[in-house]
Amino acid sequence: MVDTIRNFLMAFIPLFVAFDCIGIIPIFITFTEGLEDEKRRRVTKRAIITAGAIGVA
């Protein structure tokens, strides 16, 4: 159950980043603290790309 909730929230991190870049930092760190460095980088890149696309749109 915890994994399901965590995966659900991880899917929405890029959207959270797009709305409040500074305010989301503690939440992002909390959700990604258990991830390997490579996975954390992938989540970060995806969040940046999504935020950039939303910002341009």
N, C-alpha and C. Protein backbone atom coordinates (compact mmCIF):
# COMPACT_ATOMS: atom_id res chain seq x y z
N MET A 1 0.83 -1.20 0.00
CA MET A 1 0.00 0.00 0.00
C MET A 1 0.87 1.26 0.00
N VAL A 2 1.91 1.24 0.82
CA VAL A 2 2.79 2.39 0.89
C VAL A 2 3.48 2.61 -0.45
N ASP A 3 3.89 1.52 -1.11
CA ASP A 3 4.53 1.64 -2.41
C ASP A 3 3.58 2.24 -3.45
N THR A 4 2.33 1.86 -3.40
CA THR A 4 1.35 2.38 -4.33
C THR A 4 1.18 3.88 -4.15
N ILE A 5 1.07 4.31 -2.92
CA ILE A 5 0.93 5.74 -2.63
C ILE A 5 2.18 6.49 -3.06
N ARG A 6 3.33 5.92 -2.75
CA ARG A 6 4.59 6.57 -3.12
C ARG A 6 4.71 6.69 -4.64
N ASN A 7 4.38 5.63 -5.38
CA ASN A 7 4.43 5.68 -6.84
C ASN A 7 3.45 6.70 -7.40
N PHE A 8 2.27 6.78 -6.82
CA PHE A 8 1.28 7.77 -7.25
C PHE A 8 1.82 9.18 -7.07
N LEU A 9 2.40 9.44 -5.92
CA LEU A 9 2.94 10.77 -5.66
C LEU A 9 4.14 11.08 -6.54
N MET A 10 4.97 10.07 -6.80
CA MET A 10 6.14 10.28 -7.66
C MET A 10 5.72 10.67 -9.08
N ALA A 11 4.57 10.21 -9.51
CA ALA A 11 4.08 10.55 -10.84
C ALA A 11 3.71 12.03 -10.94
N PHE A 12 3.37 12.64 -9.82
CA PHE A 12 2.93 14.03 -9.84
C PHE A 12 4.01 15.03 -9.41
N ILE A 13 5.19 14.57 -9.08
CA ILE A 13 6.27 15.49 -8.71
C ILE A 13 6.54 16.51 -9.82
N PRO A 14 6.62 16.10 -11.09
CA PRO A 14 6.85 17.12 -12.13
C PRO A 14 5.81 18.23 -12.14
N LEU A 15 4.56 17.90 -11.89
CA LEU A 15 3.53 18.93 -11.86
C LEU A 15 3.69 19.84 -10.65
N PHE A 16 4.04 19.27 -9.51
CA PHE A 16 4.28 20.09 -8.33
C PHE A 16 5.42 21.06 -8.57
N VAL A 17 6.47 20.60 -9.22
CA VAL A 17 7.63 21.45 -9.51
C VAL A 17 7.21 22.60 -10.41
N ALA A 18 6.36 22.33 -11.35
CA ALA A 18 5.92 23.38 -12.28
C ALA A 18 5.14 24.47 -11.56
N PHE A 19 4.44 24.14 -10.51
CA PHE A 19 3.62 25.12 -9.81
C PHE A 19 4.36 25.90 -8.74
N ASP A 20 5.27 25.27 -8.02
CA ASP A 20 5.95 25.94 -6.91
C ASP A 20 7.37 25.39 -6.76
N CYS A 21 8.28 25.94 -7.53
CA CYS A 21 9.64 25.40 -7.58
C CYS A 21 10.34 25.37 -6.23
N ILE A 22 10.34 26.46 -5.51
CA ILE A 22 11.05 26.53 -4.23
C ILE A 22 10.32 25.76 -3.14
N GLY A 23 9.03 25.87 -3.09
CA GLY A 23 8.25 25.23 -2.04
C GLY A 23 8.22 23.71 -2.12
N ILE A 24 8.52 23.16 -3.28
CA ILE A 24 8.45 21.72 -3.46
C ILE A 24 9.75 21.02 -3.09
N ILE A 25 10.82 21.74 -2.90
CA ILE A 25 12.13 21.12 -2.61
C ILE A 25 12.08 20.16 -1.44
N PRO A 26 11.52 20.54 -0.27
CA PRO A 26 11.48 19.57 0.83
C PRO A 26 10.66 18.32 0.51
N ILE A 27 9.58 18.49 -0.23
CA ILE A 27 8.75 17.35 -0.60
C ILE A 27 9.50 16.45 -1.58
N PHE A 28 10.17 17.06 -2.54
CA PHE A 28 10.95 16.29 -3.52
C PHE A 28 12.04 15.48 -2.82
N ILE A 29 12.73 16.09 -1.89
CA ILE A 29 13.78 15.38 -1.15
C ILE A 29 13.19 14.21 -0.36
N THR A 30 12.05 14.44 0.27
CA THR A 30 11.41 13.37 1.04
C THR A 30 11.01 12.20 0.16
N PHE A 31 10.41 12.47 -0.99
CA PHE A 31 9.94 11.40 -1.86
C PHE A 31 11.07 10.66 -2.57
N THR A 32 12.21 11.32 -2.74
CA THR A 32 13.29 10.68 -3.50
C THR A 32 14.44 10.22 -2.62
N GLU A 33 14.33 10.34 -1.31
CA GLU A 33 15.46 10.01 -0.46
C GLU A 33 15.83 8.53 -0.49
N GLY A 34 14.90 7.65 -0.77
CA GLY A 34 15.20 6.22 -0.81
C GLY A 34 15.63 5.72 -2.18
N LEU A 35 15.66 6.61 -3.17
CA LEU A 35 15.99 6.19 -4.53
C LEU A 35 17.50 6.18 -4.75
N GLU A 36 17.91 5.33 -5.68
CA GLU A 36 19.31 5.33 -6.08
C GLU A 36 19.59 6.63 -6.82
N ASP A 37 20.87 6.99 -6.91
CA ASP A 37 21.24 8.26 -7.56
C ASP A 37 20.73 8.34 -8.99
N GLU A 38 20.86 7.25 -9.75
CA GLU A 38 20.42 7.26 -11.15
C GLU A 38 18.91 7.50 -11.26
N LYS A 39 18.14 6.86 -10.41
CA LYS A 39 16.69 7.05 -10.44
C LYS A 39 16.33 8.47 -10.02
N ARG A 40 17.04 8.99 -9.03
CA ARG A 40 16.79 10.37 -8.59
C ARG A 40 17.08 11.35 -9.72
N ARG A 41 18.15 11.11 -10.47
CA ARG A 41 18.48 11.98 -11.60
C ARG A 41 17.39 11.92 -12.67
N ARG A 42 16.87 10.71 -12.93
CA ARG A 42 15.80 10.56 -13.92
C ARG A 42 14.55 11.33 -13.50
N VAL A 43 14.19 11.22 -12.23
CA VAL A 43 13.02 11.94 -11.72
C VAL A 43 13.25 13.45 -11.83
N THR A 44 14.46 13.88 -11.50
CA THR A 44 14.79 15.31 -11.58
C THR A 44 14.70 15.80 -13.02
N LYS A 45 15.28 15.06 -13.95
CA LYS A 45 15.23 15.46 -15.36
C LYS A 45 13.80 15.52 -15.86
N ARG A 46 13.01 14.52 -15.51
CA ARG A 46 11.60 14.49 -15.94
C ARG A 46 10.85 15.69 -15.37
N ALA A 47 11.12 16.02 -14.12
CA ALA A 47 10.45 17.16 -13.49
C ALA A 47 10.84 18.46 -14.17
N ILE A 48 12.12 18.61 -14.50
CA ILE A 48 12.59 19.83 -15.16
C ILE A 48 11.98 19.96 -16.55
N ILE A 49 11.96 18.87 -17.29
CA ILE A 49 11.40 18.90 -18.64
C ILE A 49 9.90 19.21 -18.59
N THR A 50 9.19 18.60 -17.67
CA THR A 50 7.76 18.86 -17.54
C THR A 50 7.50 20.31 -17.14
N ALA A 51 8.25 20.80 -16.17
CA ALA A 51 8.08 22.19 -15.73
C ALA A 51 8.39 23.15 -16.87
N GLY A 52 9.43 22.86 -17.62
CA GLY A 52 9.78 23.71 -18.76
C GLY A 52 8.70 23.71 -19.83
N ALA A 53 8.17 22.53 -20.12
CA ALA A 53 7.11 22.43 -21.13
C ALA A 53 5.85 23.18 -20.69
N ILE A 54 5.51 23.05 -19.42
CA ILE A 54 4.34 23.76 -18.91
C ILE A 54 4.59 25.27 -18.91
N GLY A 55 5.81 25.66 -18.58
CA GLY A 55 6.15 27.08 -18.57
C GLY A 55 6.08 27.71 -19.96
N VAL A 56 6.47 26.95 -20.97
CA VAL A 56 6.45 27.45 -22.34
C VAL A 56 5.03 27.47 -22.90
N ALA A 57 4.22 26.52 -22.47
CA ALA A 57 2.85 26.40 -23.01
C ALA A 57 1.97 27.49 -22.57
